[in-house]
Amino acid sequence: MSNKPFGWDLCVDLYGCKYEKIRNRKFVLEFIRVLCDDVLKVRREGKPVLKRYGKEHLTGYSFIQLIEVSSITGHLSEERLSAHIDIFSCAPFNDKNVENFTREFFEAKKSVARKIIRK
């Protein structure tokens, strides 16, 4: 068994997001594109799956974007003004850059990120 990591999993939780941004379908799609193409620099595999759900505190978009090295998922809550983004990649990436980009893109007041090394 190799000591080299299989991949990295970054969980970014955003709080105090701008309502107009987490509720806007086109904006969420733009977030996915820019995150993949410009920040992570990974190839997107197909189009993202993006669905808006509408039950109480769960109202908001959820998405999945397959990438050549794994996947990106997200869940946005309009009521809580929060976004919860998970990035799993077998290619290394700068977790601070991803957290900062994500916080700035949604104009969040606060972010918390946790990184897991998958062996």
PDB file of N, CA and C in Angstrom:
ATOM      1  N   MET A   1       0.838  -1.184   0.000  1.00  0.00           N
ATOM      2  CA  MET A   1       0.000   0.000   0.000  1.00  0.00           C
ATOM      3  C   MET A   1       0.885   1.251   0.000  1.00  0.00           C
ATOM      4  N   SER A   2       0.539   2.206  -0.830  1.00  0.00           N
ATOM      5  CA  SER A   2       1.318   3.431  -0.967  1.00  0.00           C
ATOM      6  C   SER A   2       0.996   4.416   0.152  1.00  0.00           C
ATOM      7  N   ASN A   3       2.004   5.185   0.550  1.00  0.00           N
ATOM      8  CA  ASN A   3       1.782   6.275   1.519  1.00  0.00           C
ATOM      9  C   ASN A   3       1.259   7.531   0.843  1.00  0.00           C
ATOM     10  N   LYS A   4       1.294   7.542  -0.475  1.00  0.00           N
ATOM     11  CA  LYS A   4       0.820   8.696  -1.232  1.00  0.00           C
ATOM     12  C   LYS A   4      -0.708   8.783  -1.092  1.00  0.00           C
ATOM     13  N   PRO A   5      -1.231   9.991  -0.827  1.00  0.00           N
ATOM     14  CA  PRO A   5      -2.689  10.125  -0.710  1.00  0.00           C
ATOM     15  C   PRO A   5      -3.404   9.724  -1.993  1.00  0.00           C
ATOM     16  N   PHE A   6      -4.575   9.133  -1.833  1.00  0.00           N
ATOM     17  CA  PHE A   6      -5.446   8.842  -2.971  1.00  0.00           C
ATOM     18  C   PHE A   6      -6.107  10.135  -3.445  1.00  0.00           C
ATOM     19  N   GLY A   7      -6.443  10.991  -2.488  1.00  0.00           N
ATOM     20  CA  GLY A   7      -7.095  12.247  -2.833  1.00  0.00           C
ATOM     21  C   GLY A   7      -7.297  13.129  -1.620  1.00  0.00           C
ATOM     22  N   TRP A   8      -7.919  14.271  -1.871  1.00  0.00           N
ATOM     23  CA  TRP A   8      -8.171  15.262  -0.837  1.00  0.00           C
ATOM     24  C   TRP A   8      -9.636  15.658  -0.890  1.00  0.00           C
ATOM     25  N   ASP A   9     -10.224  15.797   0.278  1.00  0.00           N
ATOM     26  CA  ASP A   9     -11.628  16.169   0.410  1.00  0.00           C
ATOM     27  C   ASP A   9     -11.685  17.470   1.201  1.00  0.00           C
ATOM     28  N   LEU A  10     -12.259  18.496   0.615  1.00  0.00           N
ATOM     29  CA  LEU A  10     -12.382  19.785   1.293  1.00  0.00           C
ATOM     30  C   LEU A  10     -13.858  20.100   1.472  1.00  0.00           C
ATOM     31  N   CYS A  11     -14.245  20.339   2.716  1.00  0.00           N
ATOM     32  CA  CYS A  11     -15.618  20.736   3.042  1.00  0.00           C
ATOM     33  C   CYS A  11     -15.586  22.209   3.411  1.00  0.00           C
ATOM     34  N   VAL A  12     -16.311  23.019   2.661  1.00  0.00           N
ATOM     35  CA  VAL A  12     -16.369  24.455   2.921  1.00  0.00           C
ATOM     36  C   VAL A  12     -17.806  24.813   3.286  1.00  0.00           C
ATOM     37  N   ASP A  13     -17.984  25.361   4.481  1.00  0.00           N
ATOM     38  CA  ASP A  13     -19.284  25.839   4.931  1.00  0.00           C
ATOM     39  C   ASP A  13     -19.246  27.357   4.942  1.00  0.00           C
ATOM     40  N   LEU A  14     -20.232  27.958   4.296  1.00  0.00           N
ATOM     41  CA  LEU A  14     -20.330  29.415   4.209  1.00  0.00           C
ATOM     42  C   LEU A  14     -21.571  29.888   4.944  1.00  0.00           C
ATOM     43  N   TYR A  15     -21.440  30.987   5.667  1.00  0.00           N
ATOM     44  CA  TYR A  15     -22.552  31.548   6.434  1.00  0.00           C
ATOM     45  C   TYR A  15     -22.699  33.026   6.109  1.00  0.00           C
ATOM     46  N   GLY A  16     -23.943  33.488   6.091  1.00  0.00           N
ATOM     47  CA  GLY A  16     -24.197  34.893   5.770  1.00  0.00           C
ATOM     48  C   GLY A  16     -23.994  35.191   4.299  1.00  0.00           C
ATOM     49  N   CYS A  17     -24.350  34.239   3.440  1.00  0.00           N
ATOM     50  CA  CYS A  17     -24.215  34.443   1.989  1.00  0.00           C
ATOM     51  C   CYS A  17     -25.233  35.469   1.507  1.00  0.00           C
ATOM     52  N   LYS A  18     -24.916  36.088   0.404  1.00  0.00           N
ATOM     53  CA  LYS A  18     -25.841  37.036  -0.209  1.00  0.00           C
ATOM     54  C   LYS A  18     -27.010  36.255  -0.817  1.00  0.00           C
ATOM     55  N   TYR A  19     -28.215  36.574  -0.389  1.00  0.00           N
ATOM     56  CA  TYR A  19     -29.416  35.843  -0.790  1.00  0.00           C
ATOM     57  C   TYR A  19     -29.563  35.789  -2.309  1.00  0.00           C
ATOM     58  N   GLU A  20     -29.352  36.909  -2.973  1.00  0.00           N
ATOM     59  CA  GLU A  20     -29.533  36.970  -4.424  1.00  0.00           C
ATOM     60  C   GLU A  20     -28.591  36.028  -5.163  1.00  0.00           C
ATOM     61  N   LYS A  21     -27.480  35.703  -4.554  1.00  0.00           N
ATOM     62  CA  LYS A  21     -26.500  34.837  -5.217  1.00  0.00           C
ATOM     63  C   LYS A  21     -26.804  33.355  -5.012  1.00  0.00           C
ATOM     64  N   ILE A  22     -27.166  32.955  -3.799  1.00  0.00           N
ATOM     65  CA  ILE A  22     -27.413  31.525  -3.583  1.00  0.00           C
ATOM     66  C   ILE A  22     -28.750  31.090  -4.174  1.00  0.00           C
ATOM     67  N   ARG A  23     -29.604  32.039  -4.516  1.00  0.00           N
ATOM     68  CA  ARG A  23     -30.918  31.710  -5.068  1.00  0.00           C
ATOM     69  C   ARG A  23     -30.943  31.781  -6.603  1.00  0.00           C
ATOM     70  N   ASN A  24     -29.897  32.257  -7.223  1.00  0.00           N
ATOM     71  CA  ASN A  24     -29.862  32.506  -8.661  1.00  0.00           C
ATOM     72  C   ASN A  24     -29.216  31.325  -9.400  1.00  0.00           C
ATOM     73  N   ARG A  25     -30.015  30.629 -10.197  1.00  0.00           N
ATOM     74  CA  ARG A  25     -29.549  29.446 -10.937  1.00  0.00           C
ATOM     75  C   ARG A  25     -28.328  29.750 -11.805  1.00  0.00           C
ATOM     76  N   LYS A  26     -28.394  30.837 -12.567  1.00  0.00           N
ATOM     77  CA  LYS A  26     -27.272  31.186 -13.452  1.00  0.00           C
ATOM     78  C   LYS A  26     -26.008  31.472 -12.652  1.00  0.00           C
ATOM     79  N   PHE A  27     -26.153  32.096 -11.508  1.00  0.00           N
ATOM     80  CA  PHE A  27     -24.998  32.403 -10.676  1.00  0.00           C
ATOM     81  C   PHE A  27     -24.364  31.133 -10.131  1.00  0.00           C
ATOM     82  N   VAL A  28     -25.193  30.172  -9.696  1.00  0.00           N
ATOM     83  CA  VAL A  28     -24.672  28.903  -9.177  1.00  0.00           C
ATOM     84  C   VAL A  28     -23.932  28.145 -10.283  1.00  0.00           C
ATOM     85  N   LEU A  29     -24.488  28.132 -11.480  1.00  0.00           N
ATOM     86  CA  LEU A  29     -23.807  27.487 -12.607  1.00  0.00           C
ATOM     87  C   LEU A  29     -22.479  28.174 -12.923  1.00  0.00           C
ATOM     88  N   GLU A  30     -22.450  29.494 -12.822  1.00  0.00           N
ATOM     89  CA  GLU A  30     -21.205  30.236 -13.044  1.00  0.00           C
ATOM     90  C   GLU A  30     -20.174  29.890 -11.969  1.00  0.00           C
ATOM     91  N   PHE A  31     -20.616  29.750 -10.737  1.00  0.00           N
ATOM     92  CA  PHE A  31     -19.726  29.352  -9.648  1.00  0.00           C
ATOM     93  C   PHE A  31     -19.049  28.018  -9.972  1.00  0.00           C
ATOM     94  N   ILE A  32     -19.836  27.049 -10.393  1.00  0.00           N
ATOM     95  CA  ILE A  32     -19.306  25.722 -10.714  1.00  0.00           C
ATOM     96  C   ILE A  32     -18.264  25.822 -11.835  1.00  0.00           C
ATOM     97  N   ARG A  33     -18.601  26.560 -12.888  1.00  0.00           N
ATOM     98  CA  ARG A  33     -17.689  26.694 -14.033  1.00  0.00           C
ATOM     99  C   ARG A  33     -16.372  27.343 -13.627  1.00  0.00           C
ATOM    100  N   VAL A  34     -16.446  28.463 -12.914  1.00  0.00           N
ATOM    101  CA  VAL A  34     -15.227  29.191 -12.538  1.00  0.00           C
ATOM    102  C   VAL A  34     -14.397  28.380 -11.545  1.00  0.00           C
ATOM    103  N   LEU A  35     -15.063  27.735 -10.585  1.00  0.00           N
ATOM    104  CA  LEU A  35     -14.337  26.910  -9.615  1.00  0.00           C
ATOM    105  C   LEU A  35     -13.534  25.825 -10.334  1.00  0.00           C
ATOM    106  N   CYS A  36     -14.167  25.143 -11.259  1.00  0.00           N
ATOM    107  CA  CYS A  36     -13.486  24.054 -11.975  1.00  0.00           C
ATOM    108  C   CYS A  36     -12.412  24.582 -12.922  1.00  0.00           C
ATOM    109  N   ASP A  37     -12.800  25.524 -13.778  1.00  0.00           N
ATOM    110  CA  ASP A  37     -11.911  25.972 -14.853  1.00  0.00           C
ATOM    111  C   ASP A  37     -10.760  26.848 -14.368  1.00  0.00           C
ATOM    112  N   ASP A  38     -11.045  27.768 -13.453  1.00  0.00           N
ATOM    113  CA  ASP A  38     -10.057  28.784 -13.084  1.00  0.00           C
ATOM    114  C   ASP A  38      -9.366  28.548 -11.743  1.00  0.00           C
ATOM    115  N   VAL A  39     -10.091  27.987 -10.786  1.00  0.00           N
ATOM    116  CA  VAL A  39      -9.510  27.811  -9.452  1.00  0.00           C
ATOM    117  C   VAL A  39      -8.853  26.438  -9.318  1.00  0.00           C
ATOM    118  N   LEU A  40      -9.612  25.392  -9.572  1.00  0.00           N
ATOM    119  CA  LEU A  40      -9.060  24.036  -9.468  1.00  0.00           C
ATOM    120  C   LEU A  40      -8.289  23.615 -10.711  1.00  0.00           C
ATOM    121  N   LYS A  41      -8.648  24.219 -11.845  1.00  0.00           N
ATOM    122  CA  LYS A  41      -8.025  23.899 -13.131  1.00  0.00           C
ATOM    123  C   LYS A  41      -8.172  22.405 -13.457  1.00  0.00           C
ATOM    124  N   VAL A  42      -9.430  21.960 -13.368  1.00  0.00           N
ATOM    125  CA  VAL A  42      -9.763  20.568 -13.690  1.00  0.00           C
ATOM    126  C   VAL A  42     -10.819  20.550 -14.784  1.00  0.00           C
ATOM    127  N   ARG A  43     -10.830  19.473 -15.537  1.00  0.00           N
ATOM    128  CA  ARG A  43     -11.806  19.333 -16.618  1.00  0.00           C
ATOM    129  C   ARG A  43     -13.139  18.847 -16.050  1.00  0.00           C
ATOM    130  N   ARG A  44     -14.200  19.544 -16.416  1.00  0.00           N
ATOM    131  CA  ARG A  44     -15.541  19.126 -16.031  1.00  0.00           C
ATOM    132  C   ARG A  44     -15.963  17.967 -16.923  1.00  0.00           C
ATOM    133  N   GLU A  45     -16.600  16.978 -16.332  1.00  0.00           N
ATOM    134  CA  GLU A  45     -17.093  15.821 -17.080  1.00  0.00           C
ATOM    135  C   GLU A  45     -18.610  15.960 -17.204  1.00  0.00           C
ATOM    136  N   GLY A  46     -19.059  16.399 -18.357  1.00  0.00           N
ATOM    137  CA  GLY A  46     -20.489  16.588 -18.562  1.00  0.00           C
ATOM    138  C   GLY A  46     -21.009  17.844 -17.887  1.00  0.00           C
ATOM    139  N   LYS A  47     -22.305  18.007 -17.977  1.00  0.00           N
ATOM    140  CA  LYS A  47     -22.955  19.169 -17.370  1.00  0.00           C
ATOM    141  C   LYS A  47     -23.266  18.870 -15.913  1.00  0.00           C
ATOM    142  N   PRO A  48     -23.317  19.928 -15.075  1.00  0.00           N
ATOM    143  CA  PRO A  48     -23.675  19.697 -13.680  1.00  0.00           C
ATOM    144  C   PRO A  48     -25.155  19.332 -13.539  1.00  0.00           C
ATOM    145  N   VAL A  49     -25.456  18.580 -12.514  1.00  0.00           N
ATOM    146  CA  VAL A  49     -26.839  18.334 -12.119  1.00  0.00           C
ATOM    147  C   VAL A  49     -27.160  19.410 -11.091  1.00  0.00           C
ATOM    148  N   LEU A  50     -28.206  20.187 -11.342  1.00  0.00           N
ATOM    149  CA  LEU A  50     -28.574  21.295 -10.461  1.00  0.00           C
ATOM    150  C   LEU A  50     -30.077  21.236 -10.236  1.00  0.00           C
ATOM    151  N   LYS A  51     -30.484  21.118  -8.977  1.00  0.00           N
ATOM    152  CA  LYS A  51     -31.900  20.990  -8.646  1.00  0.00           C
ATOM    153  C   LYS A  51     -32.218  21.880  -7.461  1.00  0.00           C
ATOM    154  N   ARG A  52     -33.334  22.590  -7.564  1.00  0.00           N
ATOM    155  CA  ARG A  52     -33.783  23.435  -6.455  1.00  0.00           C
ATOM    156  C   ARG A  52     -34.880  22.696  -5.705  1.00  0.00           C
ATOM    157  N   TYR A  53     -34.677  22.564  -4.407  1.00  0.00           N
ATOM    158  CA  TYR A  53     -35.644  21.912  -3.535  1.00  0.00           C
ATOM    159  C   TYR A  53     -36.386  22.975  -2.739  1.00  0.00           C
ATOM    160  N   GLY A  54     -37.583  22.678  -2.245  1.00  0.00           N
ATOM    161  CA  GLY A  54     -38.372  23.712  -1.610  1.00  0.00           C
ATOM    162  C   GLY A  54     -39.081  23.325  -0.339  1.00  0.00           C
ATOM    163  N   LYS A  55     -38.401  22.750   0.614  1.00  0.00           N
ATOM    164  CA  LYS A  55     -39.023  22.383   1.889  1.00  0.00           C
ATOM    165  C   LYS A  55     -38.352  23.125   3.040  1.00  0.00           C
ATOM    166  N   GLU A  56     -39.048  24.096   3.586  1.00  0.00           N
ATOM    167  CA  GLU A  56     -38.631  24.842   4.776  1.00  0.00           C
ATOM    168  C   GLU A  56     -37.157  25.253   4.728  1.00  0.00           C
ATOM    169  N   HIS A  57     -36.389  24.864   5.754  1.00  0.00           N
ATOM    170  CA  HIS A  57     -34.985  25.284   5.814  1.00  0.00           C
ATOM    171  C   HIS A  57     -34.136  24.623   4.733  1.00  0.00           C
ATOM    172  N   LEU A  58     -34.713  23.665   4.027  1.00  0.00           N
ATOM    173  CA  LEU A  58     -33.980  22.986   2.956  1.00  0.00           C
ATOM    174  C   LEU A  58     -34.146  23.677   1.607  1.00  0.00           C
ATOM    175  N   THR A  59     -34.951  24.713   1.532  1.00  0.00           N
ATOM    176  CA  THR A  59     -35.179  25.381   0.259  1.00  0.00           C
ATOM    177  C   THR A  59     -33.862  25.936  -0.284  1.00  0.00           C
ATOM    178  N   GLY A  60     -33.553  25.522  -1.494  1.00  0.00           N
ATOM    179  CA  GLY A  60     -32.334  25.990  -2.135  1.00  0.00           C
ATOM    180  C   GLY A  60     -31.828  24.971  -3.132  1.00  0.00           C
ATOM    181  N   TYR A  61     -30.748  25.325  -3.801  1.00  0.00           N
ATOM    182  CA  TYR A  61     -30.163  24.462  -4.818  1.00  0.00           C
ATOM    183  C   TYR A  61     -29.228  23.425  -4.209  1.00  0.00           C
ATOM    184  N   SER A  62     -29.205  22.271  -4.850  1.00  0.00           N
ATOM    185  CA  SER A  62     -28.186  21.254  -4.626  1.00  0.00           C
ATOM    186  C   SER A  62     -27.583  20.944  -5.991  1.00  0.00           C
ATOM    187  N   PHE A  63     -26.284  20.649  -6.009  1.00  0.00           N
ATOM    188  CA  PHE A  63     -25.646  20.353  -7.289  1.00  0.00           C
ATOM    189  C   PHE A  63     -24.575  19.288  -7.149  1.00  0.00           C
ATOM    190  N   ILE A  64     -24.313  18.658  -8.282  1.00  0.00           N
ATOM    191  CA  ILE A  64     -23.214  17.704  -8.424  1.00  0.00           C
ATOM    192  C   ILE A  64     -22.528  18.005  -9.751  1.00  0.00           C
ATOM    193  N   GLN A  65     -21.211  18.122  -9.715  1.00  0.00           N
ATOM    194  CA  GLN A  65     -20.427  18.276 -10.936  1.00  0.00           C
ATOM    195  C   GLN A  65     -19.321  17.238 -10.905  1.00  0.00           C
ATOM    196  N   LEU A  66     -19.371  16.284 -11.837  1.00  0.00           N
ATOM    197  CA  LEU A  66     -18.267  15.343 -11.957  1.00  0.00           C
ATOM    198  C   LEU A  66     -17.092  16.066 -12.599  1.00  0.00           C
ATOM    199  N   ILE A  67     -15.905  15.754 -12.130  1.00  0.00           N
ATOM    200  CA  ILE A  67     -14.680  16.314 -12.697  1.00  0.00           C
ATOM    201  C   ILE A  67     -13.763  15.147 -13.039  1.00  0.00           C
ATOM    202  N   GLU A  68     -12.763  15.409 -13.875  1.00  0.00           N
ATOM    203  CA  GLU A  68     -11.912  14.316 -14.339  1.00  0.00           C
ATOM    204  C   GLU A  68     -11.216  13.590 -13.197  1.00  0.00           C
ATOM    205  N   VAL A  69     -11.106  14.219 -12.048  1.00  0.00           N
ATOM    206  CA  VAL A  69     -10.412  13.602 -10.920  1.00  0.00           C
ATOM    207  C   VAL A  69     -11.329  13.334  -9.736  1.00  0.00           C
ATOM    208  N   SER A  70     -12.631  13.485  -9.887  1.00  0.00           N
ATOM    209  CA  SER A  70     -13.622  13.095  -8.883  1.00  0.00           C
ATOM    210  C   SER A  70     -14.895  13.922  -8.986  1.00  0.00           C
ATOM    211  N   SER A  71     -15.243  14.717  -7.923  1.00  0.00           N
ATOM    212  CA  SER A  71     -16.533  15.413  -7.967  1.00  0.00           C
ATOM    213  C   SER A  71     -16.580  16.617  -7.032  1.00  0.00           C
ATOM    214  N   ILE A  72     -17.564  17.473  -7.323  1.00  0.00           N
ATOM    215  CA  ILE A  72     -17.869  18.628  -6.485  1.00  0.00           C
ATOM    216  C   ILE A  72     -19.366  18.580  -6.222  1.00  0.00           C
ATOM    217  N   THR A  73     -19.743  18.725  -4.969  1.00  0.00           N
ATOM    218  CA  THR A  73     -21.154  18.777  -4.623  1.00  0.00           C
ATOM    219  C   THR A  73     -21.414  20.018  -3.789  1.00  0.00           C
ATOM    220  N   GLY A  74     -22.657  20.461  -3.808  1.00  0.00           N
ATOM    221  CA  GLY A  74     -23.005  21.630  -3.011  1.00  0.00           C
ATOM    222  C   GLY A  74     -24.464  21.629  -2.621  1.00  0.00           C
ATOM    223  N   HIS A  75     -24.735  22.227  -1.488  1.00  0.00           N
ATOM    224  CA  HIS A  75     -26.095  22.363  -0.978  1.00  0.00           C
ATOM    225  C   HIS A  75     -26.225  23.779  -0.432  1.00  0.00           C
ATOM    226  N   LEU A  76     -27.207  24.523  -0.941  1.00  0.00           N
ATOM    227  CA  LEU A  76     -27.397  25.920  -0.568  1.00  0.00           C
ATOM    228  C   LEU A  76     -28.721  26.071   0.164  1.00  0.00           C
ATOM    229  N   SER A  77     -28.726  26.798   1.277  1.00  0.00           N
ATOM    230  CA  SER A  77     -29.944  27.021   2.046  1.00  0.00           C
ATOM    231  C   SER A  77     -30.313  28.495   1.990  1.00  0.00           C
ATOM    232  N   GLU A  78     -31.454  28.783   1.372  1.00  0.00           N
ATOM    233  CA  GLU A  78     -31.910  30.172   1.279  1.00  0.00           C
ATOM    234  C   GLU A  78     -32.312  30.717   2.644  1.00  0.00           C
ATOM    235  N   GLU A  79     -32.967  29.895   3.456  1.00  0.00           N
ATOM    236  CA  GLU A  79     -33.410  30.348   4.778  1.00  0.00           C
ATOM    237  C   GLU A  79     -32.233  30.673   5.686  1.00  0.00           C
ATOM    238  N   ARG A  80     -31.224  29.827   5.652  1.00  0.00           N
ATOM    239  CA  ARG A  80     -30.063  30.005   6.529  1.00  0.00           C
ATOM    240  C   ARG A  80     -28.983  30.895   5.919  1.00  0.00           C
ATOM    241  N   LEU A  81     -29.150  31.249   4.646  1.00  0.00           N
ATOM    242  CA  LEU A  81     -28.129  32.006   3.907  1.00  0.00           C
ATOM    243  C   LEU A  81     -26.775  31.290   3.978  1.00  0.00           C
ATOM    244  N   SER A  82     -26.825  29.967   3.814  1.00  0.00           N
ATOM    245  CA  SER A  82     -25.599  29.174   3.917  1.00  0.00           C
ATOM    246  C   SER A  82     -25.371  28.363   2.646  1.00  0.00           C
ATOM    247  N   ALA A  83     -24.123  28.010   2.456  1.00  0.00           N
ATOM    248  CA  ALA A  83     -23.726  27.141   1.348  1.00  0.00           C
ATOM    249  C   ALA A  83     -22.737  26.129   1.899  1.00  0.00           C
ATOM    250  N   HIS A  84     -22.902  24.884   1.467  1.00  0.00           N
ATOM    251  CA  HIS A  84     -22.056  23.793   1.952  1.00  0.00           C
ATOM    252  C   HIS A  84     -21.502  23.075   0.725  1.00  0.00           C
ATOM    253  N   ILE A  85     -20.214  23.277   0.478  1.00  0.00           N
ATOM    254  CA  ILE A  85     -19.554  22.807  -0.737  1.00  0.00           C
ATOM    255  C   ILE A  85     -18.534  21.731  -0.362  1.00  0.00           C
ATOM    256  N   ASP A  86     -18.575  20.601  -1.083  1.00  0.00           N
ATOM    257  CA  ASP A  86     -17.610  19.521  -0.878  1.00  0.00           C
ATOM    258  C   ASP A  86     -16.854  19.272  -2.180  1.00  0.00           C
ATOM    259  N   ILE A  87     -15.541  19.273  -2.076  1.00  0.00           N
ATOM    260  CA  ILE A  87     -14.688  19.032  -3.234  1.00  0.00           C
ATOM    261  C   ILE A  87     -13.827  17.817  -2.935  1.00  0.00           C
ATOM    262  N   PHE A  88     -13.974  16.794  -3.758  1.00  0.00           N
ATOM    263  CA  PHE A  88     -13.096  15.628  -3.641  1.00  0.00           C
ATOM    264  C   PHE A  88     -12.295  15.552  -4.922  1.00  0.00           C
ATOM    265  N   SER A  89     -10.979  15.500  -4.768  1.00  0.00           N
ATOM    266  CA  SER A  89     -10.115  15.478  -5.938  1.00  0.00           C
ATOM    267  C   SER A  89      -8.926  14.562  -5.694  1.00  0.00           C
ATOM    268  N   CYS A  90      -8.574  13.809  -6.712  1.00  0.00           N
ATOM    269  CA  CYS A  90      -7.368  12.985  -6.650  1.00  0.00           C
ATOM    270  C   CYS A  90      -6.139  13.785  -7.072  1.00  0.00           C
ATOM    271  N   ALA A  91      -6.360  15.008  -7.547  1.00  0.00           N
ATOM    272  CA  ALA A  91      -5.263  15.921  -7.879  1.00  0.00           C
ATOM    273  C   ALA A  91      -5.161  16.959  -6.755  1.00  0.00           C
ATOM    274  N   PRO A  92      -3.959  17.272  -6.303  1.00  0.00           N
ATOM    275  CA  PRO A  92      -3.819  18.241  -5.215  1.00  0.00           C
ATOM    276  C   PRO A  92      -4.314  19.630  -5.635  1.00  0.00           C
ATOM    277  N   PHE A  93      -4.779  20.382  -4.651  1.00  0.00           N
ATOM    278  CA  PHE A  93      -5.234  21.753  -4.888  1.00  0.00           C
ATOM    279  C   PHE A  93      -4.986  22.569  -3.631  1.00  0.00           C
ATOM    280  N   ASN A  94      -4.997  23.877  -3.783  1.00  0.00           N
ATOM    281  CA  ASN A  94      -4.748  24.789  -2.665  1.00  0.00           C
ATOM    282  C   ASN A  94      -6.068  25.045  -1.943  1.00  0.00           C
ATOM    283  N   ASP A  95      -6.215  24.459  -0.762  1.00  0.00           N
ATOM    284  CA  ASP A  95      -7.475  24.565  -0.033  1.00  0.00           C
ATOM    285  C   ASP A  95      -7.798  25.993   0.384  1.00  0.00           C
ATOM    286  N   LYS A  96      -6.804  26.797   0.728  1.00  0.00           N
ATOM    287  CA  LYS A  96      -7.058  28.193   1.118  1.00  0.00           C
ATOM    288  C   LYS A  96      -7.583  29.003  -0.064  1.00  0.00           C
ATOM    289  N   ASN A  97      -7.017  28.778  -1.256  1.00  0.00           N
ATOM    290  CA  ASN A  97      -7.517  29.480  -2.446  1.00  0.00           C
ATOM    291  C   ASN A  97      -8.970  29.123  -2.725  1.00  0.00           C
ATOM    292  N   VAL A  98      -9.306  27.839  -2.577  1.00  0.00           N
ATOM    293  CA  VAL A  98     -10.683  27.390  -2.817  1.00  0.00           C
ATOM    294  C   VAL A  98     -11.623  28.007  -1.786  1.00  0.00           C
ATOM    295  N   GLU A  99     -11.237  27.986  -0.522  1.00  0.00           N
ATOM    296  CA  GLU A  99     -12.083  28.575   0.520  1.00  0.00           C
ATOM    297  C   GLU A  99     -12.288  30.071   0.281  1.00  0.00           C
ATOM    298  N   ASN A 100     -11.222  30.783   0.009  1.00  0.00           N
ATOM    299  CA  ASN A 100     -11.328  32.231  -0.225  1.00  0.00           C
ATOM    300  C   ASN A 100     -12.193  32.546  -1.441  1.00  0.00           C
ATOM    301  N   PHE A 101     -11.961  31.830  -2.531  1.00  0.00           N
ATOM    302  CA  PHE A 101     -12.759  32.041  -3.741  1.00  0.00           C
ATOM    303  C   PHE A 101     -14.242  31.806  -3.465  1.00  0.00           C
ATOM    304  N   THR A 102     -14.543  30.699  -2.800  1.00  0.00           N
ATOM    305  CA  THR A 102     -15.925  30.331  -2.524  1.00  0.00           C
ATOM    306  C   THR A 102     -16.598  31.379  -1.642  1.00  0.00           C
ATOM    307  N   ARG A 103     -15.917  31.811  -0.591  1.00  0.00           N
ATOM    308  CA  ARG A 103     -16.462  32.844   0.306  1.00  0.00           C
ATOM    309  C   ARG A 103     -16.714  34.143  -0.453  1.00  0.00           C
ATOM    310  N   GLU A 104     -15.760  34.567  -1.256  1.00  0.00           N
ATOM    311  CA  GLU A 104     -15.914  35.818  -2.005  1.00  0.00           C
ATOM    312  C   GLU A 104     -17.004  35.715  -3.070  1.00  0.00           C
ATOM    313  N   PHE A 105     -17.113  34.572  -3.736  1.00  0.00           N
ATOM    314  CA  PHE A 105     -18.093  34.419  -4.810  1.00  0.00           C
ATOM    315  C   PHE A 105     -19.520  34.552  -4.288  1.00  0.00           C
ATOM    316  N   PHE A 106     -19.784  33.985  -3.117  1.00  0.00           N
ATOM    317  CA  PHE A 106     -21.124  34.055  -2.530  1.00  0.00           C
ATOM    318  C   PHE A 106     -21.276  35.222  -1.556  1.00  0.00           C
ATOM    319  N   GLU A 107     -20.222  36.031  -1.448  1.00  0.00           N
ATOM    320  CA  GLU A 107     -20.205  37.180  -0.535  1.00  0.00           C
ATOM    321  C   GLU A 107     -20.602  36.770   0.879  1.00  0.00           C
ATOM    322  N   ALA A 108     -20.045  35.656   1.341  1.00  0.00           N
ATOM    323  CA  ALA A 108     -20.343  35.134   2.680  1.00  0.00           C
ATOM    324  C   ALA A 108     -19.616  35.957   3.741  1.00  0.00           C
ATOM    325  N   LYS A 109     -20.244  36.075   4.881  1.00  0.00           N
ATOM    326  CA  LYS A 109     -19.631  36.791   6.007  1.00  0.00           C
ATOM    327  C   LYS A 109     -18.618  35.922   6.736  1.00  0.00           C
ATOM    328  N   LYS A 110     -18.818  34.606   6.663  1.00  0.00           N
ATOM    329  CA  LYS A 110     -17.947  33.685   7.400  1.00  0.00           C
ATOM    330  C   LYS A 110     -17.791  32.388   6.621  1.00  0.00           C
ATOM    331  N   SER A 111     -16.612  31.783   6.738  1.00  0.00           N
ATOM    332  CA  SER A 111     -16.390  30.459   6.143  1.00  0.00           C
ATOM    333  C   SER A 111     -15.619  29.585   7.118  1.00  0.00           C
ATOM    334  N   VAL A 112     -15.913  28.300   7.050  1.00  0.00           N
ATOM    335  CA  VAL A 112     -15.187  27.299   7.824  1.00  0.00           C
ATOM    336  C   VAL A 112     -14.851  26.176   6.849  1.00  0.00           C
ATOM    337  N   ALA A 113     -13.579  25.782   6.803  1.00  0.00           N
ATOM    338  CA  ALA A 113     -13.166  24.724   5.884  1.00  0.00           C
ATOM    339  C   ALA A 113     -12.439  23.623   6.648  1.00  0.00           C
ATOM    340  N   ARG A 114     -12.695  22.400   6.232  1.00  0.00           N
ATOM    341  CA  ARG A 114     -12.035  21.231   6.809  1.00  0.00           C
ATOM    342  C   ARG A 114     -11.515  20.377   5.658  1.00  0.00           C
ATOM    343  N   LYS A 115     -10.254  20.002   5.775  1.00  0.00           N
ATOM    344  CA  LYS A 115      -9.638  19.197   4.726  1.00  0.00           C
ATOM    345  C   LYS A 115      -9.298  17.816   5.264  1.00  0.00           C
ATOM    346  N   ILE A 116      -9.624  16.807   4.483  1.00  0.00           N
ATOM    347  CA  ILE A 116      -9.354  15.426   4.852  1.00  0.00           C
ATOM    348  C   ILE A 116      -8.447  14.831   3.780  1.00  0.00           C
ATOM    349  N   ILE A 117      -7.396  14.178   4.191  1.00  0.00           N
ATOM    350  CA  ILE A 117      -6.523  13.472   3.260  1.00  0.00           C
ATOM    351  C   ILE A 117      -7.028  12.039   3.190  1.00  0.00           C
ATOM    352  N   ARG A 118      -7.373  11.599   1.989  1.00  0.00           N
ATOM    353  CA  ARG A 118      -7.886  10.243   1.786  1.00  0.00           C
ATOM    354  C   ARG A 118      -6.730   9.341   1.363  1.00  0.00           C
ATOM    355  N   LYS A 119      -6.492   8.311   2.121  1.00  0.00           N
ATOM    356  CA  LYS A 119      -5.377   7.377   1.852  1.00  0.00           C
ATOM    357  C   LYS A 119      -5.859   6.158   1.107  1.00  0.00           C
TER     358      LYS A 119
END
